[in-house]
Protein backbone atom coordinates (compact mmCIF):
# COMPACT_ATOMS: atom_id res chain seq x y z
CA MET A 1 25.31 13.28 14.01
CA ILE A 2 26.70 15.87 11.54
CA VAL A 3 29.84 17.63 12.99
CA ASP A 4 32.27 19.83 11.25
CA ARG A 5 36.02 20.00 11.84
CA GLN A 6 35.66 22.61 14.59
CA GLY A 7 33.27 20.42 16.46
CA ARG A 8 30.29 22.41 15.64
CA ARG A 9 26.80 20.87 15.00
CA PHE A 10 23.29 22.09 14.78
CA ARG A 11 21.52 22.14 18.10
CA ASN A 12 19.33 25.18 17.83
CA LEU A 13 16.72 25.76 15.06
CA ARG A 14 15.12 29.03 14.30
CA ILE A 15 12.11 28.93 11.99
CA SER A 16 10.69 32.06 10.40
CA LEU A 17 6.99 31.43 10.56
CA THR A 18 6.23 34.18 8.08
CA ALA A 19 8.17 37.00 6.36
CA ALA A 20 5.24 39.35 7.14
CA CYS A 21 5.86 42.07 9.72
CA ASN A 22 3.82 44.91 11.14
CA TYR A 23 7.02 46.99 11.62
CA ALA A 24 9.59 48.25 9.10
CA CYS A 25 12.60 48.89 11.44
CA THR A 26 15.32 51.13 9.98
CA TYR A 27 18.04 48.52 10.60
CA CYS A 28 16.04 45.79 8.83
CA VAL A 29 14.45 47.26 5.75
CA PRO A 30 15.70 50.34 3.85
CA ASP A 31 12.56 51.68 2.27
CA GLY A 32 10.07 51.81 5.17
CA LYS A 33 7.79 49.20 3.60
CA ARG A 34 6.32 46.55 5.87
CA LEU A 35 7.15 43.08 4.72
CA VAL A 36 4.38 40.79 3.70
CA ALA A 37 3.92 37.09 3.55
CA ALA A 38 5.47 35.39 0.55
CA GLN A 39 3.06 33.60 -1.82
CA ASP A 40 4.97 30.34 -1.48
CA GLU A 41 5.27 30.12 2.31
CA LEU A 42 5.13 26.68 3.88
CA SER A 43 1.92 25.62 5.68
CA ALA A 44 2.05 25.08 9.42
CA GLU A 45 1.84 21.37 8.84
CA ALA A 46 4.77 21.33 6.50
CA MET A 47 6.82 23.37 9.00
CA VAL A 48 6.00 20.81 11.74
CA ARG A 49 7.19 17.95 9.43
CA GLY A 50 10.35 20.02 8.76
CA VAL A 51 11.06 20.46 12.42
CA THR A 52 10.34 16.72 12.93
CA TYR A 53 12.78 15.68 10.18
CA LEU A 54 15.46 18.14 11.39
CA ILE A 55 15.30 16.82 14.96
CA GLU A 56 16.11 13.35 13.61
CA ALA A 57 18.58 14.37 10.82
CA ALA A 58 20.56 17.03 12.74
CA GLY A 59 19.92 16.47 16.40
CA ILE A 60 18.00 19.73 17.02
CA GLU A 61 17.28 20.22 20.64
CA ARG A 62 15.91 23.71 20.96
CA LEU A 63 13.43 25.64 18.80
CA ARG A 64 12.84 29.40 18.48
CA ILE A 65 9.91 30.66 16.46
CA THR A 66 10.60 33.92 14.75
CA GLY A 67 9.49 35.99 11.69
CA GLY A 68 8.99 38.62 10.25
CA GLU A 69 6.54 38.87 13.16
CA PRO A 70 5.16 35.47 14.21
CA LEU A 71 2.22 36.85 16.10
CA VAL A 72 0.66 38.25 12.92
CA SER A 73 0.55 34.82 11.27
CA PRO A 74 -2.61 32.63 11.31
CA LYS A 75 -0.25 29.67 11.16
CA LEU A 76 1.01 30.28 14.82
CA GLU A 77 -1.64 28.21 16.60
CA PRO A 78 -1.30 25.05 14.48
CA LEU A 79 2.42 25.33 14.48
CA LEU A 80 2.60 25.58 18.26
CA ARG A 81 0.21 22.62 18.65
CA GLY A 82 2.36 20.53 16.34
CA VAL A 83 5.92 21.37 17.61
CA GLY A 84 4.70 21.05 21.19
CA GLN A 85 4.37 17.30 20.78
CA LEU A 86 7.94 16.72 19.45
CA GLY A 87 9.74 16.38 22.80
CA LEU A 88 12.03 19.44 22.30
CA ALA A 89 14.02 20.56 25.28
CA ASP A 90 12.86 24.20 24.83
CA ILE A 91 10.48 26.13 22.58
CA SER A 92 10.63 29.94 22.70
CA LEU A 93 9.40 32.80 20.57
CA THR A 94 10.87 36.13 19.36
CA SER A 95 8.36 38.96 18.78
CA ASN A 96 8.20 42.76 18.57
CA GLY A 97 5.42 42.50 21.30
CA GLN A 98 2.93 44.63 19.50
CA LEU A 99 0.23 41.87 19.60
CA LEU A 100 1.60 40.29 22.78
CA SER A 101 -1.35 41.02 25.11
CA ARG A 102 -3.79 39.70 22.48
CA LYS A 103 -1.84 36.50 21.81
CA LEU A 104 -0.61 35.74 25.39
CA PRO A 105 -3.46 33.26 26.25
CA LEU A 106 -2.50 31.21 23.17
CA LEU A 107 1.17 31.24 24.06
CA LEU A 108 0.46 30.13 27.66
CA GLU A 109 -1.84 27.42 26.58
CA ALA A 110 0.84 26.12 24.08
CA GLY A 111 3.36 25.91 26.92
CA ILE A 112 5.54 28.83 25.83
CA ARG A 113 7.54 30.00 28.86
CA ARG A 114 10.33 32.12 27.33
CA LEU A 115 9.97 35.18 25.10
CA ASN A 116 12.47 37.50 23.45
CA ILE A 117 10.86 40.90 22.80
CA SER A 118 12.52 43.49 20.53
CA LEU A 119 12.41 46.87 22.15
CA ASP A 120 14.88 49.56 20.98
CA THR A 121 13.68 52.57 23.08
CA LEU A 122 11.31 53.68 25.85
CA ASP A 123 10.82 57.00 24.08
CA ALA A 124 7.55 56.93 22.15
CA GLU A 125 8.60 59.32 19.42
CA ASP A 126 11.91 57.50 18.85
CA PHE A 127 10.03 54.19 18.87
CA ARG A 128 7.93 55.33 15.94
CA LYS A 129 10.96 56.58 14.02
CA ILE A 130 12.85 53.35 14.46
CA ALA A 131 10.07 50.82 14.05
CA ARG A 132 8.11 52.83 11.52
CA GLY A 133 4.94 51.23 12.92
CA GLY A 134 3.34 50.03 16.10
CA ASP A 135 2.66 51.66 19.43
CA LEU A 136 5.07 51.68 22.40
CA ALA A 137 2.33 51.64 25.05
CA SER A 138 0.85 48.45 23.62
CA VAL A 139 4.21 46.71 23.74
CA LEU A 140 4.89 47.74 27.36
CA ASP A 141 1.35 46.64 28.38
CA GLY A 142 1.93 43.23 26.77
CA LEU A 143 5.21 42.97 28.64
CA GLU A 144 3.60 43.58 32.00
CA GLN A 145 0.92 41.03 31.29
CA ALA A 146 3.54 38.43 30.28
CA ARG A 147 5.53 39.19 33.33
CA ALA A 148 2.49 38.85 35.55
CA ALA A 149 1.87 35.42 33.89
CA GLY A 150 5.31 34.26 34.96
CA LEU A 151 7.02 34.15 31.57
CA LYS A 152 10.83 34.45 31.43
CA ILE A 153 11.51 37.48 29.27
CA LYS A 154 14.57 38.85 27.48
CA ILE A 155 14.50 42.23 25.76
CA ASN A 156 16.50 42.78 22.59
CA MET A 157 17.86 46.28 21.84
CA VAL A 158 19.88 47.26 18.81
CA PRO A 159 21.84 50.42 19.85
CA LEU A 160 22.07 52.94 16.99
CA ARG A 161 24.22 55.99 16.95
CA GLY A 162 22.13 59.11 16.64
CA GLN A 163 18.85 57.25 17.21
CA ASN A 164 18.53 55.40 20.59
CA LEU A 165 21.95 55.21 22.12
CA VAL A 166 20.96 57.53 25.01
CA GLN A 167 18.28 54.98 25.88
CA ALA A 168 20.81 52.15 26.63
CA VAL A 169 21.03 52.71 30.33
CA PRO A 170 17.35 53.75 30.87
CA LEU A 171 16.24 50.62 29.08
CA LEU A 172 18.64 48.50 31.21
CA GLU A 173 17.21 50.04 34.35
CA TYR A 174 13.67 49.31 33.12
CA CYS A 175 14.69 45.71 32.67
CA LEU A 176 16.47 45.34 35.93
CA GLU A 177 13.50 46.58 37.83
CA ARG A 178 11.23 44.04 36.23
CA GLY A 179 13.54 40.92 36.23
CA PHE A 180 13.87 41.03 32.45
CA GLU A 181 17.41 40.35 30.94
CA LEU A 182 18.40 43.00 28.40
CA ARG A 183 20.43 41.96 25.37
CA PHE A 184 22.24 44.58 23.46
CA ILE A 185 22.68 43.39 19.84
CA GLU A 186 25.39 44.99 17.87
CA LEU A 187 24.10 46.25 14.49
CA MET A 188 24.62 43.55 11.81
CA ARG A 189 25.93 43.94 8.29
CA MET A 190 22.79 42.42 6.85
CA GLY A 191 20.59 43.36 3.89
CA HIS A 192 20.90 47.00 2.84
CA LEU A 193 23.55 47.62 5.56
CA ALA A 194 25.80 45.02 3.93
CA ARG A 195 25.51 46.93 0.62
CA ASP A 196 26.14 50.32 2.22
CA PRO A 197 29.11 50.15 4.54
CA ASN A 198 29.02 53.90 5.23
CA ALA A 199 25.40 53.69 6.60
CA PHE A 200 26.44 50.72 8.74
CA LEU A 201 29.54 52.53 10.25
CA GLN A 202 27.58 55.69 10.92
CA GLN A 203 25.12 53.89 13.09
CA PHE A 204 27.20 51.13 14.63
CA VAL A 205 27.91 51.02 18.34
CA GLY A 206 30.34 48.43 19.65
CA MET A 207 30.48 46.48 22.93
CA PRO A 208 33.34 48.49 24.50
CA GLU A 209 31.33 51.81 24.19
CA LEU A 210 28.19 50.14 25.59
CA LEU A 211 30.09 48.70 28.53
CA ALA A 212 31.69 52.04 29.18
CA ARG A 213 28.28 53.71 29.31
CA ILE A 214 26.90 51.09 31.71
CA GLY A 215 30.08 51.27 33.77
CA GLU A 216 29.47 54.89 34.50
CA ARG A 217 26.32 53.93 36.42
CA TYR A 218 26.87 50.29 37.55
CA SER A 219 29.59 47.94 38.55
CA TYR A 220 29.31 44.65 36.72
CA VAL A 221 31.10 41.31 36.41
CA GLN A 222 31.14 38.79 33.61
CA ALA A 223 28.79 35.84 34.26
CA GLU A 224 28.72 32.33 32.93
CA ALA A 225 26.92 31.55 29.69
CA PRO A 226 26.52 28.31 27.70
CA LEU A 227 29.46 27.40 25.33
CA ASP A 228 27.41 28.12 22.27
CA ALA A 229 25.67 31.22 23.50
CA THR A 230 25.72 34.21 21.18
CA ALA A 231 25.78 36.72 24.07
CA LEU A 232 28.47 37.65 26.56
CA ARG A 233 26.63 37.83 29.86
CA TYR A 234 27.19 40.19 32.73
CA GLU A 235 25.87 40.52 36.29
CA ILE A 236 25.13 43.70 38.15
CA PRO A 237 25.36 42.29 41.67
CA GLY A 238 22.14 42.66 43.54
CA LYS A 239 20.33 43.92 40.48
CA GLY A 240 20.34 41.40 37.69
CA PHE A 241 21.87 40.39 34.37
CA PHE A 242 22.40 41.83 30.90
CA GLY A 243 24.14 40.57 27.77
CA VAL A 244 25.79 41.80 24.68
CA ILE A 245 25.57 39.94 21.28
CA ALA A 246 28.83 41.36 20.03
CA ASN A 247 28.93 39.87 16.55
CA GLU A 248 31.45 42.43 15.42
CA SER A 249 33.47 43.12 18.55
CA VAL A 250 33.66 39.55 19.90
CA PRO A 251 32.59 37.11 17.14
CA PHE A 252 31.09 33.82 18.21
CA CYS A 253 31.23 31.92 14.92
CA ARG A 254 33.62 29.21 16.40
CA THR A 255 30.86 27.88 18.59
CA CYS A 256 27.72 28.68 16.63
CA SER A 257 25.12 25.84 16.68
CA ARG A 258 22.28 27.70 14.94
CA LEU A 259 20.35 26.57 11.86
CA ARG A 260 17.55 28.68 10.29
CA LEU A 261 14.55 27.53 8.22
CA SER A 262 12.81 30.28 6.26
CA SER A 263 9.08 30.51 5.81
CA THR A 264 9.52 29.44 2.20
CA GLY A 265 11.41 26.29 2.96
CA TRP A 266 15.09 27.31 2.70
CA LEU A 267 17.73 26.22 5.14
CA HIS A 268 20.38 28.88 6.17
CA GLY A 269 23.43 27.59 7.95
CA CYS A 270 25.01 31.01 8.40
CA LEU A 271 23.91 34.56 8.19
CA SER A 272 27.20 35.51 6.61
CA SER A 273 26.67 33.11 3.70
CA SER A 274 24.50 33.82 0.73
CA ASN A 275 24.12 29.99 0.32
CA ARG A 276 20.79 28.43 1.07
CA HIS A 277 19.37 24.95 0.64
CA TYR A 278 15.81 24.14 -0.30
CA ILE A 279 14.00 21.48 1.66
CA GLY A 280 10.37 22.40 0.78
CA ASP A 281 10.19 19.54 -1.72
CA LEU A 282 11.38 17.03 0.89
CA LEU A 283 8.57 17.74 3.30
CA ASP A 284 5.99 15.90 1.19
CA LYS A 285 8.14 12.81 1.05
CA PRO A 286 8.02 9.88 3.53
CA ARG A 287 10.70 9.77 6.20
CA HIS A 288 12.87 7.08 4.59
CA GLN A 289 13.17 9.19 1.43
CA ALA A 290 13.40 12.63 3.04
CA LEU A 291 16.06 12.02 5.68
CA PRO A 292 19.07 10.94 3.43
CA ALA A 293 18.52 13.92 1.13
CA LEU A 294 18.10 16.20 4.19
CA GLN A 295 21.28 14.98 5.76
CA ARG A 296 23.24 15.77 2.55
CA LEU A 297 21.85 19.33 2.64
CA LEU A 298 22.69 19.73 6.24
CA VAL A 299 26.32 18.88 5.56
CA LYS A 300 26.41 21.68 3.04
CA ALA A 301 24.65 24.09 5.42
CA LEU A 302 27.12 23.36 8.16
CA ALA A 303 29.99 23.98 5.85
CA ASP A 304 28.53 27.47 5.11
CA LYS A 305 29.38 28.68 8.62
CA GLN A 306 32.29 31.11 9.02
CA GLU A 307 35.31 29.76 10.80
CA VAL A 308 36.18 32.82 12.76
CA ALA A 309 33.99 35.95 12.39
CA PHE A 310 30.77 37.25 10.96
CA SER A 311 31.38 39.03 7.74
CA GLY A 312 27.85 40.22 6.79
CA GLY A 313 25.30 39.08 4.27
CA VAL A 314 22.91 40.60 1.73
CA THR A 315 19.89 38.57 2.94
CA VAL A 316 17.22 40.69 4.71
CA MET A 317 17.20 39.51 8.37
CA LYS A 318 13.39 39.54 8.75
CA ILE A 319 13.08 36.94 5.92
CA ILE A 320 15.12 34.26 7.76
CA GLY A 321 14.36 35.12 11.37
CA GLY A 322 16.38 37.20 13.90
């Protein structure tokens, strides 16, 4: 087991199935261009081997499939089929939900029972401005179908000053009514926002302000969450739960257990680090050759983690998964 001096190890793996995305969200890409699949992306079979090796080399227990947007990728079905046979404690998926109603039968057949859906507003006009693509009605329809199918759903919202902050409480109420758990995600200093601190500060909304807004409408108490959880979790008695991923206000680096694998075969141990470690060439090697080399790279990836707080990074978030 690979453990650092703070007792951290990799338990949770996020794999970016593809860099392609049918949105171009303002907080993710600066120019409004939708991201496309890289020419050198790993095949589904190579990704399954990567997950297999990482389970053995790092002790990975839980897997989240992300993107870009995983539901646009033709690799989704073979990947789900492969990782579903690896004995992981949990496999979940993060999506913008645009294609959810179309892909729901595949997800259910593959045994996916948990979804995180990005939804930044319930206002159709603001939705188009932020996502720069997609259709709100299609997302909401997909959510209702997933809910009816019994999936456990979390909604991810990035509050942005001057864009969707007024939607924080209405979106919370929408989630409470449906049994969804809303996660407010503080804006991250990633990609173009790491290079333009003024743009970041103009849009950033911190946890204290969010909680104050919610407190004007509801009474809430802090709830329990796993030690390595990224979110501070709260309960509105008799209504439900919500959380805040407060990477700026209340950093969680000291307990982070996340490892990311990009669609092009690079391991990222920390979003705040520009370091990355290529494992694509190891995935064609037999286990006895691949594992020792992989473990050496994992030691380096774990050392990339921040000791105290997130400090930002220039990598575009969509390329390495949310």
